[in-house]
N, C-alpha and C. Protein backbone atom coordinates (compact mmCIF):
# COMPACT_ATOMS: atom_id res chain seq x y z
N MET A 1 0.82 -1.19 0.00
CA MET A 1 0.00 0.00 0.00
C MET A 1 0.87 1.26 0.00
N GLU A 2 2.01 1.18 0.66
CA GLU A 2 2.91 2.33 0.71
C GLU A 2 3.43 2.68 -0.68
N VAL A 3 3.71 1.68 -1.48
CA VAL A 3 4.20 1.90 -2.84
C VAL A 3 3.13 2.61 -3.67
N PHE A 4 1.89 2.18 -3.51
CA PHE A 4 0.79 2.80 -4.24
C PHE A 4 0.66 4.28 -3.88
N ILE A 5 0.69 4.58 -2.61
CA ILE A 5 0.55 5.97 -2.15
C ILE A 5 1.73 6.81 -2.63
N LEU A 6 2.94 6.26 -2.55
CA LEU A 6 4.12 6.98 -3.02
C LEU A 6 4.04 7.25 -4.52
N THR A 7 3.64 6.26 -5.29
CA THR A 7 3.49 6.42 -6.74
C THR A 7 2.42 7.46 -7.07
N PHE A 8 1.31 7.40 -6.37
CA PHE A 8 0.23 8.36 -6.58
C PHE A 8 0.71 9.78 -6.29
N CYS A 9 1.45 9.97 -5.21
CA CYS A 9 1.97 11.29 -4.85
C CYS A 9 2.94 11.80 -5.91
N ILE A 10 3.77 10.93 -6.44
CA ILE A 10 4.71 11.33 -7.48
C ILE A 10 3.96 11.78 -8.73
N PHE A 11 2.93 11.04 -9.11
CA PHE A 11 2.12 11.44 -10.27
C PHE A 11 1.45 12.80 -10.04
N ILE A 12 0.93 13.00 -8.85
CA ILE A 12 0.29 14.28 -8.53
C ILE A 12 1.31 15.41 -8.62
N LEU A 13 2.52 15.21 -8.11
CA LEU A 13 3.56 16.23 -8.17
C LEU A 13 3.94 16.56 -9.62
N VAL A 14 4.03 15.54 -10.44
CA VAL A 14 4.35 15.76 -11.86
C VAL A 14 3.24 16.55 -12.54
N ILE A 15 2.01 16.20 -12.28
CA ILE A 15 0.88 16.90 -12.90
C ILE A 15 0.83 18.35 -12.43
N VAL A 16 1.05 18.59 -11.14
CA VAL A 16 1.06 19.96 -10.62
C VAL A 16 2.22 20.74 -11.24
N GLY A 17 3.38 20.11 -11.37
CA GLY A 17 4.52 20.77 -12.00
C GLY A 17 4.24 21.15 -13.44
N LEU A 18 3.62 20.27 -14.19
CA LEU A 18 3.27 20.58 -15.58
C LEU A 18 2.24 21.71 -15.64
N ALA A 19 1.29 21.69 -14.72
CA ALA A 19 0.27 22.75 -14.71
C ALA A 19 0.89 24.10 -14.40
N ILE A 20 1.80 24.13 -13.44
CA ILE A 20 2.46 25.39 -13.09
C ILE A 20 3.29 25.91 -14.26
N GLY A 21 4.01 25.02 -14.92
CA GLY A 21 4.78 25.41 -16.09
C GLY A 21 3.90 25.95 -17.20
N PHE A 22 2.76 25.33 -17.41
CA PHE A 22 1.82 25.78 -18.44
C PHE A 22 1.26 27.15 -18.11
N ILE A 23 0.92 27.36 -16.84
CA ILE A 23 0.32 28.63 -16.41
C ILE A 23 1.31 29.78 -16.59
N PHE A 24 2.56 29.57 -16.21
CA PHE A 24 3.53 30.66 -16.27
C PHE A 24 4.04 30.94 -17.67
N LYS A 25 4.14 29.93 -18.51
CA LYS A 25 4.64 30.15 -19.87
C LYS A 25 3.55 30.62 -20.82
N ARG A 26 2.29 30.37 -20.48
CA ARG A 26 1.14 30.77 -21.30
C ARG A 26 1.28 30.30 -22.75
N ARG A 27 1.70 29.09 -22.92
CA ARG A 27 1.84 28.52 -24.26
C ARG A 27 0.68 27.59 -24.53
N VAL A 28 0.41 27.39 -25.78
CA VAL A 28 -0.67 26.50 -26.19
C VAL A 28 -0.20 25.05 -26.05
N LEU A 29 -1.06 24.20 -25.55
CA LEU A 29 -0.73 22.78 -25.47
C LEU A 29 -0.72 22.20 -26.88
N LYS A 30 0.29 21.40 -27.18
CA LYS A 30 0.34 20.77 -28.50
C LYS A 30 1.08 19.45 -28.38
N GLY A 31 0.79 18.59 -29.31
CA GLY A 31 1.44 17.28 -29.32
C GLY A 31 2.86 17.37 -29.83
N SER A 32 3.63 16.36 -29.56
CA SER A 32 5.03 16.39 -29.96
C SER A 32 5.29 15.58 -31.23
N CYS A 33 4.35 14.75 -31.63
CA CYS A 33 4.61 13.86 -32.75
C CYS A 33 3.98 14.34 -34.07
N GLY A 34 3.21 15.39 -34.04
CA GLY A 34 2.58 15.87 -35.27
C GLY A 34 1.17 15.38 -35.43
N GLY A 35 0.76 14.43 -34.65
CA GLY A 35 -0.61 13.95 -34.66
C GLY A 35 -1.02 13.33 -35.98
N ILE A 36 -2.23 13.60 -36.37
CA ILE A 36 -2.82 12.97 -37.56
C ILE A 36 -2.15 13.45 -38.84
N THR A 37 -1.63 14.68 -38.86
CA THR A 37 -0.98 15.17 -40.06
C THR A 37 0.35 14.45 -40.32
N ALA A 38 0.96 13.91 -39.29
CA ALA A 38 2.20 13.14 -39.47
C ALA A 38 1.93 11.84 -40.24
N LEU A 39 0.69 11.40 -40.20
CA LEU A 39 0.30 10.18 -40.92
C LEU A 39 -0.12 10.48 -42.35
N GLY A 40 -0.14 11.75 -42.72
CA GLY A 40 -0.54 12.14 -44.07
C GLY A 40 -2.04 12.27 -44.22
N MET A 41 -2.76 12.30 -43.12
CA MET A 41 -4.21 12.42 -43.16
C MET A 41 -4.61 13.87 -42.97
N LYS A 42 -5.56 14.36 -43.76
CA LYS A 42 -6.03 15.72 -43.62
C LYS A 42 -7.34 15.78 -42.86
N LYS A 43 -8.10 14.73 -42.92
CA LYS A 43 -9.42 14.73 -42.30
C LYS A 43 -9.37 13.93 -41.00
N ALA A 44 -9.76 14.56 -39.93
CA ALA A 44 -9.67 13.92 -38.62
C ALA A 44 -10.97 13.25 -38.20
N CYS A 45 -12.00 13.39 -38.99
CA CYS A 45 -13.28 12.81 -38.60
C CYS A 45 -13.93 12.10 -39.80
N ASP A 46 -14.99 11.43 -39.53
CA ASP A 46 -15.74 10.75 -40.58
C ASP A 46 -17.05 11.47 -40.87
N CYS A 47 -17.01 12.78 -40.86
CA CYS A 47 -18.22 13.58 -41.08
C CYS A 47 -18.71 13.43 -42.52
N GLU A 48 -20.00 13.48 -42.66
CA GLU A 48 -20.61 13.40 -43.98
C GLU A 48 -20.50 14.73 -44.72
N GLU A 49 -20.57 15.84 -43.97
CA GLU A 49 -20.53 17.17 -44.56
C GLU A 49 -19.49 18.02 -43.84
N PRO A 50 -18.96 19.03 -44.51
CA PRO A 50 -17.97 19.89 -43.85
C PRO A 50 -18.62 20.71 -42.72
N CYS A 51 -17.85 20.98 -41.69
CA CYS A 51 -18.38 21.75 -40.57
C CYS A 51 -18.48 23.23 -40.92
N ASP A 52 -19.19 23.97 -40.10
CA ASP A 52 -19.39 25.41 -40.34
C ASP A 52 -18.06 26.16 -40.31
N ASN A 53 -17.16 25.73 -39.45
CA ASN A 53 -15.86 26.39 -39.35
C ASN A 53 -15.09 26.28 -40.67
N LEU A 54 -15.10 25.10 -41.28
CA LEU A 54 -14.41 24.89 -42.55
C LEU A 54 -15.08 25.70 -43.66
N LYS A 55 -16.41 25.71 -43.68
CA LYS A 55 -17.13 26.49 -44.69
C LYS A 55 -16.80 27.98 -44.56
N GLU A 56 -16.70 28.46 -43.33
CA GLU A 56 -16.39 29.87 -43.10
C GLU A 56 -14.97 30.21 -43.58
N LYS A 57 -14.02 29.31 -43.33
CA LYS A 57 -12.65 29.56 -43.78
C LYS A 57 -12.56 29.59 -45.30
N VAL A 58 -13.33 28.74 -45.97
CA VAL A 58 -13.34 28.75 -47.43
C VAL A 58 -13.97 30.05 -47.92
N ALA A 59 -15.05 30.47 -47.27
CA ALA A 59 -15.73 31.71 -47.68
C ALA A 59 -14.83 32.93 -47.50
N LEU A 60 -14.01 32.93 -46.46
CA LEU A 60 -13.11 34.05 -46.21
C LEU A 60 -11.84 33.98 -47.05
N GLY A 61 -11.64 32.85 -47.72
CA GLY A 61 -10.46 32.69 -48.56
C GLY A 61 -9.22 32.26 -47.80
N GLU A 62 -9.38 31.82 -46.56
CA GLU A 62 -8.23 31.38 -45.77
C GLU A 62 -7.68 30.05 -46.25
N ILE A 63 -8.55 29.21 -46.79
CA ILE A 63 -8.12 27.93 -47.35
C ILE A 63 -8.79 27.73 -48.70
N SER A 64 -8.24 26.81 -49.46
CA SER A 64 -8.72 26.58 -50.81
C SER A 64 -10.03 25.78 -50.81
N GLU A 65 -10.82 25.99 -51.85
CA GLU A 65 -12.07 25.24 -51.99
C GLU A 65 -11.82 23.75 -52.24
N THR A 66 -10.62 23.41 -52.64
CA THR A 66 -10.31 22.00 -52.87
C THR A 66 -10.37 21.19 -51.58
N GLU A 67 -10.31 21.87 -50.43
CA GLU A 67 -10.45 21.17 -49.15
C GLU A 67 -11.83 20.56 -49.00
N LEU A 68 -12.80 21.13 -49.68
CA LEU A 68 -14.17 20.61 -49.60
C LEU A 68 -14.38 19.38 -50.48
N ASP A 69 -13.42 19.11 -51.39
CA ASP A 69 -13.55 17.97 -52.30
C ASP A 69 -13.60 16.64 -51.57
N ARG A 70 -12.97 16.57 -50.42
CA ARG A 70 -12.94 15.28 -49.71
C ARG A 70 -14.30 14.89 -49.15
N PHE A 71 -15.24 15.84 -49.14
CA PHE A 71 -16.58 15.55 -48.65
C PHE A 71 -17.54 15.13 -49.76
N LYS A 72 -17.10 15.26 -51.01
CA LYS A 72 -17.96 14.88 -52.13
C LYS A 72 -18.14 13.38 -52.15
N LYS A 73 -19.36 13.01 -52.39
CA LYS A 73 -19.67 11.58 -52.41
C LYS A 73 -19.41 11.04 -53.80
N GLY A 74 -18.71 9.96 -53.83
CA GLY A 74 -18.46 9.27 -55.08
C GLY A 74 -18.95 7.84 -54.93
N ASP A 75 -18.53 7.01 -55.83
CA ASP A 75 -18.88 5.60 -55.71
C ASP A 75 -18.13 5.02 -54.51
N GLN A 76 -18.89 4.49 -53.60
CA GLN A 76 -18.28 3.90 -52.41
C GLN A 76 -18.57 2.41 -52.42
N PHE A 77 -17.58 1.67 -52.84
CA PHE A 77 -17.74 0.23 -52.89
C PHE A 77 -16.79 -0.40 -51.88
N TYR A 78 -17.27 -1.32 -51.15
CA TYR A 78 -16.45 -2.04 -50.20
C TYR A 78 -16.43 -3.50 -50.59
N GLU A 79 -15.26 -4.04 -50.74
CA GLU A 79 -15.14 -5.44 -51.12
C GLU A 79 -15.23 -6.30 -49.87
N VAL A 80 -16.16 -7.23 -49.90
CA VAL A 80 -16.36 -8.13 -48.78
C VAL A 80 -15.72 -9.46 -49.14
N LYS A 81 -14.86 -9.91 -48.27
CA LYS A 81 -14.19 -11.20 -48.53
C LYS A 81 -14.67 -12.25 -47.58
């Protein structure tokens, strides 16, 4: 039981230390590996239609309209073996 309590306290200290560092540096939290874009994937969800945020960015010209092409429905065939 002592090992469990000691381990728990160490984890709490690490979490508090990370929180204090985050508060004082005021930096945005971000992953270190690149996330989904490191895998070459642009779409992070399986949405049927683009979200309002994406539509707004296209309307403002922040991103290209070609980003909306991935939502176009084409022939979707799945081979069942």
